[in-house]
Every structure is written in C-alpha cells, then in structure tokens.
C-alpha cells in the first residue's frame, strides 16, 4: 500500500535520484531516505512517464 505522504516526500526528487534509490534498495539493500517504499518510487516514475525500474534494470 502506497501512502500519499510518500508521494509528497519525493515530489522534488529528480528521475535519476528516484532510479538511484530504487537500485540501491533492490540491489544493495540500502533503505530509501524517509522510509519511502520502492513501490512508491516506481509509481512516481510511472506518474512521470518513465519506466518503473532503477538503474541497471532492477
């Protein structure tokens, strides 16, 4: 479940920042700043018209 506060928290992040955080979370096990879920990051990419994957196609 994605919460609205997650979208509010990441609204000013660039596409590259979002993708980097997806990659770091999935591939390296690093937490996303602000406890934002990877699902919220992927949903934000879709909202911005991007593919919902991080760098290195994770």
N, C-alpha and C. Protein backbone atom coordinates (compact mmCIF):
# COMPACT_ATOMS: atom_id res chain seq x y z
N UNK A 1 0.84 -1.17 0.00
CA UNK A 1 0.00 0.00 0.00
C UNK A 1 0.89 1.25 0.00
N UNK A 2 0.64 2.12 -0.94
CA UNK A 2 1.40 3.36 -1.05
C UNK A 2 0.61 4.47 -0.37
N UNK A 3 1.29 5.21 0.48
CA UNK A 3 0.66 6.30 1.20
C UNK A 3 0.92 7.63 0.50
N UNK A 4 -0.02 8.54 0.60
CA UNK A 4 0.09 9.85 -0.05
C UNK A 4 1.31 10.62 0.45
N UNK A 5 1.68 10.45 1.74
CA UNK A 5 2.83 11.19 2.26
C UNK A 5 4.11 10.79 1.55
N UNK A 6 4.17 9.56 1.01
CA UNK A 6 5.36 9.13 0.28
C UNK A 6 5.53 9.96 -0.99
N UNK A 7 4.42 10.17 -1.71
CA UNK A 7 4.49 10.99 -2.92
C UNK A 7 4.87 12.43 -2.59
N UNK A 8 4.35 12.93 -1.49
CA UNK A 8 4.68 14.29 -1.06
C UNK A 8 6.17 14.40 -0.74
N UNK A 9 6.71 13.36 -0.13
CA UNK A 9 8.12 13.37 0.27
C UNK A 9 9.06 13.36 -0.94
N UNK A 10 8.67 12.68 -2.02
CA UNK A 10 9.57 12.52 -3.17
C UNK A 10 9.24 13.43 -4.35
N UNK A 11 8.30 14.33 -4.18
CA UNK A 11 7.84 15.14 -5.31
C UNK A 11 8.95 15.99 -5.94
N UNK A 12 9.95 16.39 -5.17
CA UNK A 12 11.02 17.24 -5.69
C UNK A 12 12.26 16.45 -6.12
N UNK A 13 12.21 15.12 -5.98
CA UNK A 13 13.35 14.31 -6.40
C UNK A 13 13.38 14.23 -7.92
N UNK A 14 14.58 14.17 -8.48
CA UNK A 14 14.72 14.01 -9.93
C UNK A 14 14.48 12.55 -10.30
N UNK A 15 14.26 12.31 -11.57
CA UNK A 15 14.08 10.94 -12.05
C UNK A 15 15.33 10.12 -11.74
N UNK A 16 16.50 10.70 -11.94
CA UNK A 16 17.74 9.97 -11.64
C UNK A 16 17.87 9.65 -10.17
N UNK A 17 17.48 10.56 -9.30
CA UNK A 17 17.52 10.27 -7.86
C UNK A 17 16.60 9.11 -7.52
N UNK A 18 15.40 9.13 -8.08
CA UNK A 18 14.45 8.05 -7.81
C UNK A 18 15.00 6.72 -8.30
N UNK A 19 15.54 6.69 -9.50
CA UNK A 19 16.09 5.45 -10.05
C UNK A 19 17.29 4.97 -9.23
N UNK A 20 18.13 5.89 -8.80
CA UNK A 20 19.27 5.51 -7.96
C UNK A 20 18.81 4.89 -6.65
N UNK A 21 17.76 5.45 -6.04
CA UNK A 21 17.26 4.91 -4.79
C UNK A 21 16.62 3.54 -4.99
N UNK A 22 15.94 3.33 -6.12
CA UNK A 22 15.39 2.00 -6.42
C UNK A 22 16.53 1.00 -6.53
N UNK A 23 17.55 1.35 -7.29
CA UNK A 23 18.68 0.44 -7.47
C UNK A 23 19.36 0.13 -6.14
N UNK A 24 19.61 1.17 -5.34
CA UNK A 24 20.28 0.97 -4.06
C UNK A 24 19.46 0.08 -3.12
N UNK A 25 18.14 0.26 -3.15
CA UNK A 25 17.27 -0.54 -2.28
C UNK A 25 17.21 -1.99 -2.74
N UNK A 26 17.04 -2.21 -4.03
CA UNK A 26 16.84 -3.56 -4.55
C UNK A 26 18.17 -4.32 -4.64
N UNK A 27 19.18 -3.68 -5.20
CA UNK A 27 20.43 -4.38 -5.45
C UNK A 27 21.36 -4.39 -4.25
N UNK A 28 21.37 -3.32 -3.48
CA UNK A 28 22.32 -3.19 -2.38
C UNK A 28 21.70 -3.31 -1.00
N UNK A 29 20.37 -3.35 -0.92
CA UNK A 29 19.70 -3.47 0.36
C UNK A 29 19.72 -2.20 1.20
N UNK A 30 19.97 -1.06 0.58
CA UNK A 30 20.01 0.21 1.29
C UNK A 30 18.60 0.76 1.48
N UNK A 31 18.31 1.34 2.64
CA UNK A 31 16.98 1.93 2.83
C UNK A 31 16.82 3.21 2.03
N UNK A 32 15.62 3.50 1.61
CA UNK A 32 15.31 4.73 0.89
C UNK A 32 15.14 5.83 1.93
N UNK A 33 15.73 7.00 1.72
CA UNK A 33 15.57 8.09 2.69
C UNK A 33 14.10 8.39 2.96
N UNK A 34 13.78 8.64 4.20
CA UNK A 34 12.42 8.97 4.58
C UNK A 34 11.51 7.77 4.68
N UNK A 35 12.08 6.58 4.62
CA UNK A 35 11.30 5.33 4.71
C UNK A 35 10.25 5.21 3.62
N UNK A 36 10.54 5.78 2.46
CA UNK A 36 9.66 5.68 1.30
C UNK A 36 9.81 4.28 0.72
N UNK A 37 8.71 3.69 0.29
CA UNK A 37 8.76 2.34 -0.27
C UNK A 37 9.23 2.36 -1.72
N UNK A 38 9.82 1.24 -2.14
CA UNK A 38 10.23 1.09 -3.53
C UNK A 38 9.00 1.15 -4.43
N UNK A 39 7.88 0.63 -3.96
CA UNK A 39 6.65 0.68 -4.74
C UNK A 39 6.23 2.13 -5.01
N UNK A 40 6.39 3.00 -4.03
CA UNK A 40 6.05 4.41 -4.22
C UNK A 40 6.99 5.05 -5.23
N UNK A 41 8.27 4.69 -5.18
CA UNK A 41 9.23 5.24 -6.13
C UNK A 41 8.88 4.81 -7.55
N UNK A 42 8.53 3.53 -7.70
CA UNK A 42 8.15 3.03 -9.03
C UNK A 42 6.86 3.69 -9.52
N UNK A 43 5.90 3.89 -8.63
CA UNK A 43 4.65 4.54 -9.01
C UNK A 43 4.91 5.99 -9.43
N UNK A 44 5.83 6.66 -8.75
CA UNK A 44 6.16 8.04 -9.12
C UNK A 44 6.81 8.10 -10.49
N UNK A 45 7.64 7.13 -10.81
CA UNK A 45 8.24 7.09 -12.15
C UNK A 45 7.15 6.92 -13.21
N UNK A 46 6.20 6.05 -12.96
CA UNK A 46 5.09 5.86 -13.90
C UNK A 46 4.30 7.16 -14.05
N UNK A 47 4.05 7.85 -12.94
CA UNK A 47 3.32 9.13 -12.98
C UNK A 47 4.07 10.15 -13.83
N UNK A 48 5.38 10.05 -13.86
CA UNK A 48 6.21 10.98 -14.65
C UNK A 48 6.47 10.49 -16.06
N UNK A 49 5.88 9.35 -16.42
CA UNK A 49 6.01 8.84 -17.79
C UNK A 49 7.28 8.05 -18.03
N UNK A 50 7.89 7.56 -16.97
CA UNK A 50 9.14 6.80 -17.08
C UNK A 50 8.86 5.31 -16.87
N UNK A 51 9.85 4.49 -17.21
CA UNK A 51 9.77 3.06 -16.91
C UNK A 51 9.97 2.90 -15.41
N UNK A 52 9.21 2.03 -14.75
CA UNK A 52 9.29 1.89 -13.30
C UNK A 52 10.43 1.00 -12.82
N UNK A 53 11.64 1.24 -13.33
CA UNK A 53 12.81 0.46 -12.92
C UNK A 53 13.93 1.41 -12.52
N UNK A 54 14.85 0.89 -11.71
CA UNK A 54 16.02 1.67 -11.33
C UNK A 54 17.14 1.47 -12.32
N UNK A 55 18.22 2.13 -12.06
CA UNK A 55 19.40 1.95 -12.90
C UNK A 55 19.81 0.48 -12.85
N UNK A 56 20.43 0.00 -13.87
CA UNK A 56 20.85 -1.40 -14.01
C UNK A 56 19.63 -2.31 -14.15
N UNK A 57 18.48 -1.74 -14.54
CA UNK A 57 17.27 -2.50 -14.85
C UNK A 57 16.78 -3.39 -13.71
N UNK A 58 16.82 -2.88 -12.49
CA UNK A 58 16.29 -3.66 -11.35
C UNK A 58 14.82 -3.37 -11.19
